[in-house]
Amino acid sequence: EPLTPQDTHILSQPISSLIAGVQTSSLSPPDILTAYAKQ
């Protein structure tokens, strides 16, 4: 499916932000995987 706004936001983040998001539970690894697998 097309990228969602959440996917686009995830793809725009440096990995330091992704790591911080997962460590603080504001992001989930499955959601990050979905965005990057789509792209």
PDB file of all heavy atoms in Angstrom:
ATOM      1  N   GLU A   1       0.828  -1.203   0.000  1.00  0.00           N
ATOM      2  CA  GLU A   1       0.000   0.000   0.000  1.00  0.00           C
ATOM      3  C   GLU A   1       0.866   1.258   0.000  1.00  0.00           C
ATOM      4  O   GLU A   1       2.056   1.199   0.336  1.00  0.00           O
ATOM      5  CB  GLU A   1      -0.918  -0.015   1.235  1.00  0.00           C
ATOM      6  CG  GLU A   1      -1.938  -1.155   1.212  1.00  0.00           C
ATOM      7  CD  GLU A   1      -2.668  -1.303   2.539  1.00  0.00           C
ATOM      8  OE1 GLU A   1      -2.322  -0.557   3.493  1.00  0.00           O
ATOM      9  OE2 GLU A   1      -3.558  -2.172   2.628  1.00  0.00           O
ATOM     10  N   PRO A   2       0.303   2.399  -0.383  1.00  0.00           N
ATOM     11  CA  PRO A   2       1.071   3.651  -0.349  1.00  0.00           C
ATOM     12  C   PRO A   2       1.550   3.969   1.060  1.00  0.00           C
ATOM     13  O   PRO A   2       0.986   3.510   2.057  1.00  0.00           O
ATOM     14  CB  PRO A   2       0.057   4.688  -0.851  1.00  0.00           C
ATOM     15  CG  PRO A   2      -0.962   3.906  -1.607  1.00  0.00           C
ATOM     16  CD  PRO A   2      -1.061   2.578  -0.917  1.00  0.00           C
ATOM     17  N   LEU A   3       2.586   4.786   1.120  1.00  0.00           N
ATOM     18  CA  LEU A   3       3.098   5.227   2.414  1.00  0.00           C
ATOM     19  C   LEU A   3       2.053   6.053   3.150  1.00  0.00           C
ATOM     20  O   LEU A   3       1.389   6.909   2.554  1.00  0.00           O
ATOM     21  CB  LEU A   3       4.367   6.061   2.231  1.00  0.00           C
ATOM     22  CG  LEU A   3       5.588   5.369   1.620  1.00  0.00           C
ATOM     23  CD1 LEU A   3       6.708   6.380   1.401  1.00  0.00           C
ATOM     24  CD2 LEU A   3       6.087   4.233   2.507  1.00  0.00           C
ATOM     25  N   THR A   4       1.901   5.792   4.430  1.00  0.00           N
ATOM     26  CA  THR A   4       1.002   6.589   5.263  1.00  0.00           C
ATOM     27  C   THR A   4       1.770   7.784   5.810  1.00  0.00           C
ATOM     28  O   THR A   4       3.010   7.822   5.756  1.00  0.00           O
ATOM     29  CB  THR A   4       0.483   5.744   6.435  1.00  0.00           C
ATOM     30  OG1 THR A   4       1.592   5.421   7.295  1.00  0.00           O
ATOM     31  CG2 THR A   4      -0.182   4.470   5.946  1.00  0.00           C
ATOM     32  N   PRO A   5       1.088   8.790   6.372  1.00  0.00           N
ATOM     33  CA  PRO A   5       1.800   9.893   7.022  1.00  0.00           C
ATOM     34  C   PRO A   5       2.760   9.405   8.118  1.00  0.00           C
ATOM     35  O   PRO A   5       3.859   9.961   8.281  1.00  0.00           O
ATOM     36  CB  PRO A   5       0.666  10.744   7.598  1.00  0.00           C
ATOM     37  CG  PRO A   5      -0.484  10.493   6.678  1.00  0.00           C
ATOM     38  CD  PRO A   5      -0.373   9.037   6.306  1.00  0.00           C
ATOM     39  N   GLN A   6       2.352   8.362   8.856  1.00  0.00           N
ATOM     40  CA  GLN A   6       3.246   7.821   9.873  1.00  0.00           C
ATOM     41  C   GLN A   6       4.503   7.220   9.236  1.00  0.00           C
ATOM     42  O   GLN A   6       5.618   7.424   9.730  1.00  0.00           O
ATOM     43  CB  GLN A   6       2.545   6.755  10.713  1.00  0.00           C
ATOM     44  CG  GLN A   6       3.450   6.176  11.820  1.00  0.00           C
ATOM     45  CD  GLN A   6       2.811   4.998  12.531  1.00  0.00           C
ATOM     46  OE1 GLN A   6       1.991   4.289  11.957  1.00  0.00           O
ATOM     47  NE2 GLN A   6       3.174   4.801  13.786  1.00  0.00           N
ATOM     48  N   ASP A   7       4.322   6.494   8.134  1.00  0.00           N
ATOM     49  CA  ASP A   7       5.468   5.932   7.425  1.00  0.00           C
ATOM     50  C   ASP A   7       6.424   7.039   6.987  1.00  0.00           C
ATOM     51  O   ASP A   7       7.642   6.944   7.181  1.00  0.00           O
ATOM     52  CB  ASP A   7       5.013   5.160   6.175  1.00  0.00           C
ATOM     53  CG  ASP A   7       4.199   3.930   6.483  1.00  0.00           C
ATOM     54  OD1 ASP A   7       4.381   3.346   7.576  1.00  0.00           O
ATOM     55  OD2 ASP A   7       3.372   3.538   5.624  1.00  0.00           O
ATOM     56  N   THR A   8       5.868   8.073   6.397  1.00  0.00           N
ATOM     57  CA  THR A   8       6.691   9.181   5.905  1.00  0.00           C
ATOM     58  C   THR A   8       7.454   9.840   7.035  1.00  0.00           C
ATOM     59  O   THR A   8       8.635  10.195   6.888  1.00  0.00           O
ATOM     60  CB  THR A   8       5.799  10.209   5.180  1.00  0.00           C
ATOM     61  OG1 THR A   8       5.105   9.562   4.113  1.00  0.00           O
ATOM     62  CG2 THR A   8       6.635  11.346   4.620  1.00  0.00           C
ATOM     63  N   HIS A   9       6.801  10.000   8.172  1.00  0.00           N
ATOM     64  CA  HIS A   9       7.467  10.592   9.326  1.00  0.00           C
ATOM     65  C   HIS A   9       8.617   9.702   9.795  1.00  0.00           C
ATOM     66  O   HIS A   9       9.728  10.196  10.065  1.00  0.00           O
ATOM     67  CB  HIS A   9       6.472  10.793  10.468  1.00  0.00           C
ATOM     68  CG  HIS A   9       7.106  11.280  11.742  1.00  0.00           C
ATOM     69  ND1 HIS A   9       7.585  12.570  11.887  1.00  0.00           N
ATOM     70  CD2 HIS A   9       7.347  10.636  12.926  1.00  0.00           C
ATOM     71  CE1 HIS A   9       8.104  12.702  13.096  1.00  0.00           C
ATOM     72  NE2 HIS A   9       7.972  11.550  13.745  1.00  0.00           N
ATOM     73  N   ILE A  10       8.374   8.407   9.877  1.00  0.00           N
ATOM     74  CA  ILE A  10       9.424   7.479  10.312  1.00  0.00           C
ATOM     75  C   ILE A  10      10.610   7.519   9.353  1.00  0.00           C
ATOM     76  O   ILE A  10      11.766   7.582   9.778  1.00  0.00           O
ATOM     77  CB  ILE A  10       8.849   6.049  10.410  1.00  0.00           C
ATOM     78  CG1 ILE A  10       7.937   5.938  11.635  1.00  0.00           C
ATOM     79  CG2 ILE A  10       9.970   5.008  10.495  1.00  0.00           C
ATOM     80  CD1 ILE A  10       7.161   4.621  11.702  1.00  0.00           C
ATOM     81  N   LEU A  11      10.325   7.516   8.056  1.00  0.00           N
ATOM     82  CA  LEU A  11      11.396   7.511   7.059  1.00  0.00           C
ATOM     83  C   LEU A  11      12.222   8.787   7.084  1.00  0.00           C
ATOM     84  O   LEU A  11      13.376   8.789   6.639  1.00  0.00           O
ATOM     85  CB  LEU A  11      10.808   7.304   5.658  1.00  0.00           C
ATOM     86  CG  LEU A  11      10.163   5.939   5.390  1.00  0.00           C
ATOM     87  CD1 LEU A  11       9.415   5.961   4.067  1.00  0.00           C
ATOM     88  CD2 LEU A  11      11.198   4.831   5.404  1.00  0.00           C
ATOM     89  N   SER A  12      11.654   9.855   7.602  1.00  0.00           N
ATOM     90  CA  SER A  12      12.370  11.139   7.628  1.00  0.00           C
ATOM     91  C   SER A  12      13.294  11.280   8.839  1.00  0.00           C
ATOM     92  O   SER A  12      14.090  12.224   8.899  1.00  0.00           O
ATOM     93  CB  SER A  12      11.368  12.297   7.629  1.00  0.00           C
ATOM     94  OG  SER A  12      10.682  12.378   8.886  1.00  0.00           O
ATOM     95  N   GLN A  13      13.201  10.364   9.788  1.00  0.00           N
ATOM     96  CA  GLN A  13      13.943  10.499  11.035  1.00  0.00           C
ATOM     97  C   GLN A  13      15.331   9.868  10.958  1.00  0.00           C
ATOM     98  O   GLN A  13      15.488   8.783  10.388  1.00  0.00           O
ATOM     99  CB  GLN A  13      13.177   9.828  12.181  1.00  0.00           C
ATOM    100  CG  GLN A  13      11.805  10.393  12.447  1.00  0.00           C
ATOM    101  CD  GLN A  13      11.868  11.865  12.816  1.00  0.00           C
ATOM    102  OE1 GLN A  13      12.506  12.242  13.796  1.00  0.00           O
ATOM    103  NE2 GLN A  13      11.221  12.693  12.015  1.00  0.00           N
ATOM    104  N   PRO A  14      16.359  10.515  11.527  1.00  0.00           N
ATOM    105  CA  PRO A  14      17.662   9.849  11.636  1.00  0.00           C
ATOM    106  C   PRO A  14      17.548   8.648  12.564  1.00  0.00           C
ATOM    107  O   PRO A  14      16.619   8.569  13.379  1.00  0.00           O
ATOM    108  CB  PRO A  14      18.561  10.936  12.227  1.00  0.00           C
ATOM    109  CG  PRO A  14      17.627  11.841  12.964  1.00  0.00           C
ATOM    110  CD  PRO A  14      16.349  11.844  12.174  1.00  0.00           C
ATOM    111  N   ILE A  15      18.482   7.727  12.468  1.00  0.00           N
ATOM    112  CA  ILE A  15      18.343   6.519  13.283  1.00  0.00           C
ATOM    113  C   ILE A  15      18.475   6.822  14.774  1.00  0.00           C
ATOM    114  O   ILE A  15      17.937   6.085  15.600  1.00  0.00           O
ATOM    115  CB  ILE A  15      19.318   5.400  12.863  1.00  0.00           C
ATOM    116  CG1 ILE A  15      20.780   5.800  13.091  1.00  0.00           C
ATOM    117  CG2 ILE A  15      19.076   4.962  11.441  1.00  0.00           C
ATOM    118  CD1 ILE A  15      21.738   4.616  12.953  1.00  0.00           C
ATOM    119  N   SER A  16      19.146   7.905  15.130  1.00  0.00           N
ATOM    120  CA  SER A  16      19.226   8.270  16.546  1.00  0.00           C
ATOM    121  C   SER A  16      17.831   8.551  17.106  1.00  0.00           C
ATOM    122  O   SER A  16      17.513   8.180  18.251  1.00  0.00           O
ATOM    123  CB  SER A  16      20.128   9.491  16.741  1.00  0.00           C
ATOM    124  OG  SER A  16      19.667  10.588  15.965  1.00  0.00           O
ATOM    125  N   SER A  17      16.952   9.171  16.308  1.00  0.00           N
ATOM    126  CA  SER A  17      15.579   9.442  16.743  1.00  0.00           C
ATOM    127  C   SER A  17      14.761   8.162  16.808  1.00  0.00           C
ATOM    128  O   SER A  17      13.931   7.986  17.714  1.00  0.00           O
ATOM    129  CB  SER A  17      14.907  10.446  15.802  1.00  0.00           C
ATOM    130  OG  SER A  17      15.564  11.698  15.846  1.00  0.00           O
ATOM    131  N   LEU A  18      14.985   7.263  15.844  1.00  0.00           N
ATOM    132  CA  LEU A  18      14.270   5.989  15.869  1.00  0.00           C
ATOM    133  C   LEU A  18      14.641   5.190  17.122  1.00  0.00           C
ATOM    134  O   LEU A  18      13.776   4.632  17.801  1.00  0.00           O
ATOM    135  CB  LEU A  18      14.599   5.166  14.623  1.00  0.00           C
ATOM    136  CG  LEU A  18      14.222   5.769  13.269  1.00  0.00           C
ATOM    137  CD1 LEU A  18      14.616   4.816  12.148  1.00  0.00           C
ATOM    138  CD2 LEU A  18      12.743   6.093  13.197  1.00  0.00           C
ATOM    139  N   ILE A  19      15.935   5.167  17.432  1.00  0.00           N
ATOM    140  CA  ILE A  19      16.402   4.435  18.613  1.00  0.00           C
ATOM    141  C   ILE A  19      15.790   5.031  19.881  1.00  0.00           C
ATOM    142  O   ILE A  19      15.271   4.309  20.744  1.00  0.00           O
ATOM    143  CB  ILE A  19      17.938   4.473  18.680  1.00  0.00           C
ATOM    144  CG1 ILE A  19      18.545   3.707  17.494  1.00  0.00           C
ATOM    145  CG2 ILE A  19      18.443   3.883  20.006  1.00  0.00           C
ATOM    146  CD1 ILE A  19      20.011   4.016  17.258  1.00  0.00           C
ATOM    147  N   ALA A  20      15.829   6.364  19.980  1.00  0.00           N
ATOM    148  CA  ALA A  20      15.261   7.026  21.159  1.00  0.00           C
ATOM    149  C   ALA A  20      13.762   6.752  21.262  1.00  0.00           C
ATOM    150  O   ALA A  20      13.235   6.532  22.366  1.00  0.00           O
ATOM    151  CB  ALA A  20      15.533   8.532  21.095  1.00  0.00           C
ATOM    152  N   GLY A  21      13.068   6.750  20.126  1.00  0.00           N
ATOM    153  CA  GLY A  21      11.632   6.487  20.136  1.00  0.00           C
ATOM    154  C   GLY A  21      11.309   5.089  20.622  1.00  0.00           C
ATOM    155  O   GLY A  21      10.359   4.893  21.395  1.00  0.00           O
ATOM    156  N   VAL A  22      12.091   4.106  20.188  1.00  0.00           N
ATOM    157  CA  VAL A  22      11.858   2.731  20.639  1.00  0.00           C
ATOM    158  C   VAL A  22      12.197   2.588  22.116  1.00  0.00           C
ATOM    159  O   VAL A  22      11.460   1.951  22.884  1.00  0.00           O
ATOM    160  CB  VAL A  22      12.682   1.740  19.788  1.00  0.00           C
ATOM    161  CG1 VAL A  22      12.612   0.322  20.383  1.00  0.00           C
ATOM    162  CG2 VAL A  22      12.175   1.730  18.349  1.00  0.00           C
ATOM    163  N   GLN A  23      13.285   3.192  22.527  1.00  0.00           N
ATOM    164  CA  GLN A  23      13.719   3.064  23.921  1.00  0.00           C
ATOM    165  C   GLN A  23      12.738   3.721  24.891  1.00  0.00           C
ATOM    166  O   GLN A  23      12.629   3.296  26.042  1.00  0.00           O
ATOM    167  CB  GLN A  23      15.126   3.657  24.090  1.00  0.00           C
ATOM    168  CG  GLN A  23      16.210   2.824  23.414  1.00  0.00           C
ATOM    169  CD  GLN A  23      17.582   3.468  23.497  1.00  0.00           C
ATOM    170  OE1 GLN A  23      17.702   4.665  23.765  1.00  0.00           O
ATOM    171  NE2 GLN A  23      18.628   2.691  23.257  1.00  0.00           N
ATOM    172  N   THR A  24      12.019   4.744  24.415  1.00  0.00           N
ATOM    173  CA  THR A  24      11.037   5.419  25.278  1.00  0.00           C
ATOM    174  C   THR A  24       9.606   4.959  24.984  1.00  0.00           C
ATOM    175  O   THR A  24       8.651   5.538  25.515  1.00  0.00           O
ATOM    176  CB  THR A  24      11.125   6.947  25.085  1.00  0.00           C
ATOM    177  OG1 THR A  24      10.864   7.258  23.706  1.00  0.00           O
ATOM    178  CG2 THR A  24      12.489   7.475  25.479  1.00  0.00           C
ATOM    179  N   SER A  25       9.470   3.964  24.113  1.00  0.00           N
ATOM    180  CA  SER A  25       8.174   3.363  23.759  1.00  0.00           C
ATOM    181  C   SER A  25       7.245   4.272  22.970  1.00  0.00           C
ATOM    182  O   SER A  25       6.045   4.014  22.875  1.00  0.00           O
ATOM    183  CB  SER A  25       7.453   2.872  25.025  1.00  0.00           C
ATOM    184  OG  SER A  25       8.229   1.883  25.675  1.00  0.00           O
ATOM    185  N   SER A  26       7.785   5.351  22.390  1.00  0.00           N
ATOM    186  CA  SER A  26       6.948   6.188  21.538  1.00  0.00           C
ATOM    187  C   SER A  26       6.912   5.676  20.098  1.00  0.00           C
ATOM    188  O   SER A  26       6.088   6.123  19.294  1.00  0.00           O
ATOM    189  CB  SER A  26       7.439   7.640  21.562  1.00  0.00           C
ATOM    190  OG  SER A  26       8.765   7.738  21.063  1.00  0.00           O
ATOM    191  N   LEU A  27       7.796   4.758  19.776  1.00  0.00           N
ATOM    192  CA  LEU A  27       7.806   4.095  18.484  1.00  0.00           C
ATOM    193  C   LEU A  27       7.934   2.601  18.707  1.00  0.00           C
ATOM    194  O   LEU A  27       8.563   2.163  19.680  1.00  0.00           O
ATOM    195  CB  LEU A  27       8.992   4.566  17.630  1.00  0.00           C
ATOM    196  CG  LEU A  27       8.869   5.874  16.844  1.00  0.00           C
ATOM    197  CD1 LEU A  27      10.193   6.188  16.157  1.00  0.00           C
ATOM    198  CD2 LEU A  27       7.750   5.796  15.815  1.00  0.00           C
ATOM    199  N   SER A  28       7.388   1.817  17.799  1.00  0.00           N
ATOM    200  CA  SER A  28       7.531   0.365  17.913  1.00  0.00           C
ATOM    201  C   SER A  28       8.349  -0.167  16.752  1.00  0.00           C
ATOM    202  O   SER A  28       8.199   0.304  15.608  1.00  0.00           O
ATOM    203  CB  SER A  28       6.160  -0.315  17.932  1.00  0.00           C
ATOM    204  OG  SER A  28       5.591  -0.320  16.645  1.00  0.00           O
ATOM    205  N   PRO A  29       9.226  -1.153  16.987  1.00  0.00           N
ATOM    206  CA  PRO A  29      10.012  -1.738  15.891  1.00  0.00           C
ATOM    207  C   PRO A  29       9.160  -2.260  14.741  1.00  0.00           C
ATOM    208  O   PRO A  29       9.548  -2.081  13.576  1.00  0.00           O
ATOM    209  CB  PRO A  29      10.794  -2.851  16.595  1.00  0.00           C
ATOM    210  CG  PRO A  29      10.960  -2.359  18.001  1.00  0.00           C
ATOM    211  CD  PRO A  29       9.660  -1.662  18.306  1.00  0.00           C
ATOM    212  N   PRO A  30       7.977  -2.898  14.991  1.00  0.00           N
ATOM    213  CA  PRO A  30       7.172  -3.340  13.842  1.00  0.00           C
ATOM    214  C   PRO A  30       6.716  -2.187  12.942  1.00  0.00           C
ATOM    215  O   PRO A  30       6.682  -2.334  11.716  1.00  0.00           O
ATOM    216  CB  PRO A  30       5.984  -4.045  14.498  1.00  0.00           C
ATOM    217  CG  PRO A  30       6.533  -4.557  15.800  1.00  0.00           C
ATOM    218  CD  PRO A  30       7.444  -3.459  16.258  1.00  0.00           C
ATOM    219  N   ASP A  31       6.370  -1.044  13.533  1.00  0.00           N
ATOM    220  CA  ASP A  31       5.963   0.100  12.719  1.00  0.00           C
ATOM    221  C   ASP A  31       7.131   0.630  11.889  1.00  0.00           C
ATOM    222  O   ASP A  31       6.960   1.027  10.728  1.00  0.00           O
ATOM    223  CB  ASP A  31       5.413   1.218  13.610  1.00  0.00           C
ATOM    224  CG  ASP A  31       4.031   0.894  14.180  1.00  0.00           C
ATOM    225  OD1 ASP A  31       3.378  -0.029  13.662  1.00  0.00           O
ATOM    226  OD2 ASP A  31       3.625   1.552  15.157  1.00  0.00           O
ATOM    227  N   ILE A  32       8.310   0.661  12.495  1.00  0.00           N
ATOM    228  CA  ILE A  32       9.501   1.118  11.765  1.00  0.00           C
ATOM    229  C   ILE A  32       9.805   0.156  10.624  1.00  0.00           C
ATOM    230  O   ILE A  32      10.093   0.574   9.493  1.00  0.00           O
ATOM    231  CB  ILE A  32      10.709   1.232  12.716  1.00  0.00           C
ATOM    232  CG1 ILE A  32      10.443   2.283  13.795  1.00  0.00           C
ATOM    233  CG2 ILE A  32      11.971   1.580  11.936  1.00  0.00           C
ATOM    234  CD1 ILE A  32      11.497   2.321  14.886  1.00  0.00           C
ATOM    235  N   LEU A  33       9.731  -1.147  10.898  1.00  0.00           N
ATOM    236  CA  LEU A  33       9.971  -2.146   9.858  1.00  0.00           C
ATOM    237  C   LEU A  33       8.986  -1.977   8.704  1.00  0.00           C
ATOM    238  O   LEU A  33       9.381  -2.041   7.526  1.00  0.00           O
ATOM    239  CB  LEU A  33       9.848  -3.553  10.443  1.00  0.00           C
ATOM    240  CG  LEU A  33       9.891  -4.697   9.424  1.00  0.00           C
ATOM    241  CD1 LEU A  33      11.242  -4.748   8.723  1.00  0.00           C
ATOM    242  CD2 LEU A  33       9.570  -6.024  10.088  1.00  0.00           C
ATOM    243  N   THR A  34       7.720  -1.762   9.012  1.00  0.00           N
ATOM    244  CA  THR A  34       6.712  -1.618   7.965  1.00  0.00           C
ATOM    245  C   THR A  34       7.060  -0.469   7.030  1.00  0.00           C
ATOM    246  O   THR A  34       7.006  -0.599   5.801  1.00  0.00           O
ATOM    247  CB  THR A  34       5.322  -1.393   8.581  1.00  0.00           C
ATOM    248  OG1 THR A  34       4.962  -2.542   9.350  1.00  0.00           O
ATOM    249  CG2 THR A  34       4.266  -1.156   7.498  1.00  0.00           C
ATOM    250  N   ALA A  35       7.429   0.670   7.606  1.00  0.00           N
ATOM    251  CA  ALA A  35       7.760   1.845   6.787  1.00  0.00           C
ATOM    252  C   ALA A  35       8.947   1.561   5.879  1.00  0.00           C
ATOM    253  O   ALA A  35       8.921   1.853   4.673  1.00  0.00           O
ATOM    254  CB  ALA A  35       8.050   3.046   7.687  1.00  0.00           C
ATOM    255  N   TYR A  36       9.997   0.970   6.446  1.00  0.00           N
ATOM    256  CA  TYR A  36      11.198   0.742   5.646  1.00  0.00           C
ATOM    257  C   TYR A  36      11.020  -0.402   4.656  1.00  0.00           C
ATOM    258  O   TYR A  36      11.578  -0.362   3.548  1.00  0.00           O
ATOM    259  CB  TYR A  36      12.415   0.522   6.555  1.00  0.00           C
ATOM    260  CG  TYR A  36      13.027   1.850   6.917  1.00  0.00           C
ATOM    261  CD1 TYR A  36      12.681   2.499   8.093  1.00  0.00           C
ATOM    262  CD2 TYR A  36      13.894   2.496   6.044  1.00  0.00           C
ATOM    263  CE1 TYR A  36      13.200   3.744   8.403  1.00  0.00           C
ATOM    264  CE2 TYR A  36      14.415   3.744   6.334  1.00  0.00           C
ATOM    265  CZ  TYR A  36      14.070   4.361   7.517  1.00  0.00           C
ATOM    266  OH  TYR A  36      14.573   5.602   7.799  1.00  0.00           O
ATOM    267  N   ALA A  37      10.249  -1.417   5.007  1.00  0.00           N
ATOM    268  CA  ALA A  37       9.988  -2.493   4.059  1.00  0.00           C
ATOM    269  C   ALA A  37       9.207  -1.967   2.857  1.00  0.00           C
ATOM    270  O   ALA A  37       9.490  -2.318   1.700  1.00  0.00           O
ATOM    271  CB  ALA A  37       9.233  -3.628   4.742  1.00  0.00           C
ATOM    272  N   LYS A  38       8.219  -1.117   3.116  1.00  0.00           N
ATOM    273  CA  LYS A  38       7.463  -0.511   2.014  1.00  0.00           C
ATOM    274  C   LYS A  38       8.393   0.261   1.072  1.00  0.00           C
ATOM    275  O   LYS A  38       8.332   0.117  -0.151  1.00  0.00           O
ATOM    276  CB  LYS A  38       6.406   0.459   2.564  1.00  0.00           C
ATOM    277  CG  LYS A  38       5.153  -0.163   3.114  1.00  0.00           C
ATOM    278  CD  LYS A  38       4.202   0.968   3.522  1.00  0.00           C
ATOM    279  CE  LYS A  38       2.864   0.469   4.004  1.00  0.00           C
ATOM    280  NZ  LYS A  38       1.976   1.611   4.335  1.00  0.00           N
ATOM    281  N   GLN A  39       9.229   1.094   1.673  1.00  0.00           N
ATOM    282  CA  GLN A  39      10.109   1.923   0.850  1.00  0.00           C
ATOM    283  C   GLN A  39      11.168   1.078   0.140  1.00  0.00           C
ATOM    284  O   GLN A  39      11.546   1.381  -0.999  1.00  0.00           O
ATOM    285  CB  GLN A  39      10.780   3.002   1.709  1.00  0.00           C
ATOM    286  CG  GLN A  39      11.570   4.042   0.927  1.00  0.00           C
ATOM    287  CD  GLN A  39      10.695   4.899   0.016  1.00  0.00           C
ATOM    288  OE1 GLN A  39       9.465   4.867   0.079  1.00  0.00           O
ATOM    289  NE2 GLN A  39      11.339   5.669  -0.850  1.00  0.00           N
TER     290      GLN A  39
END
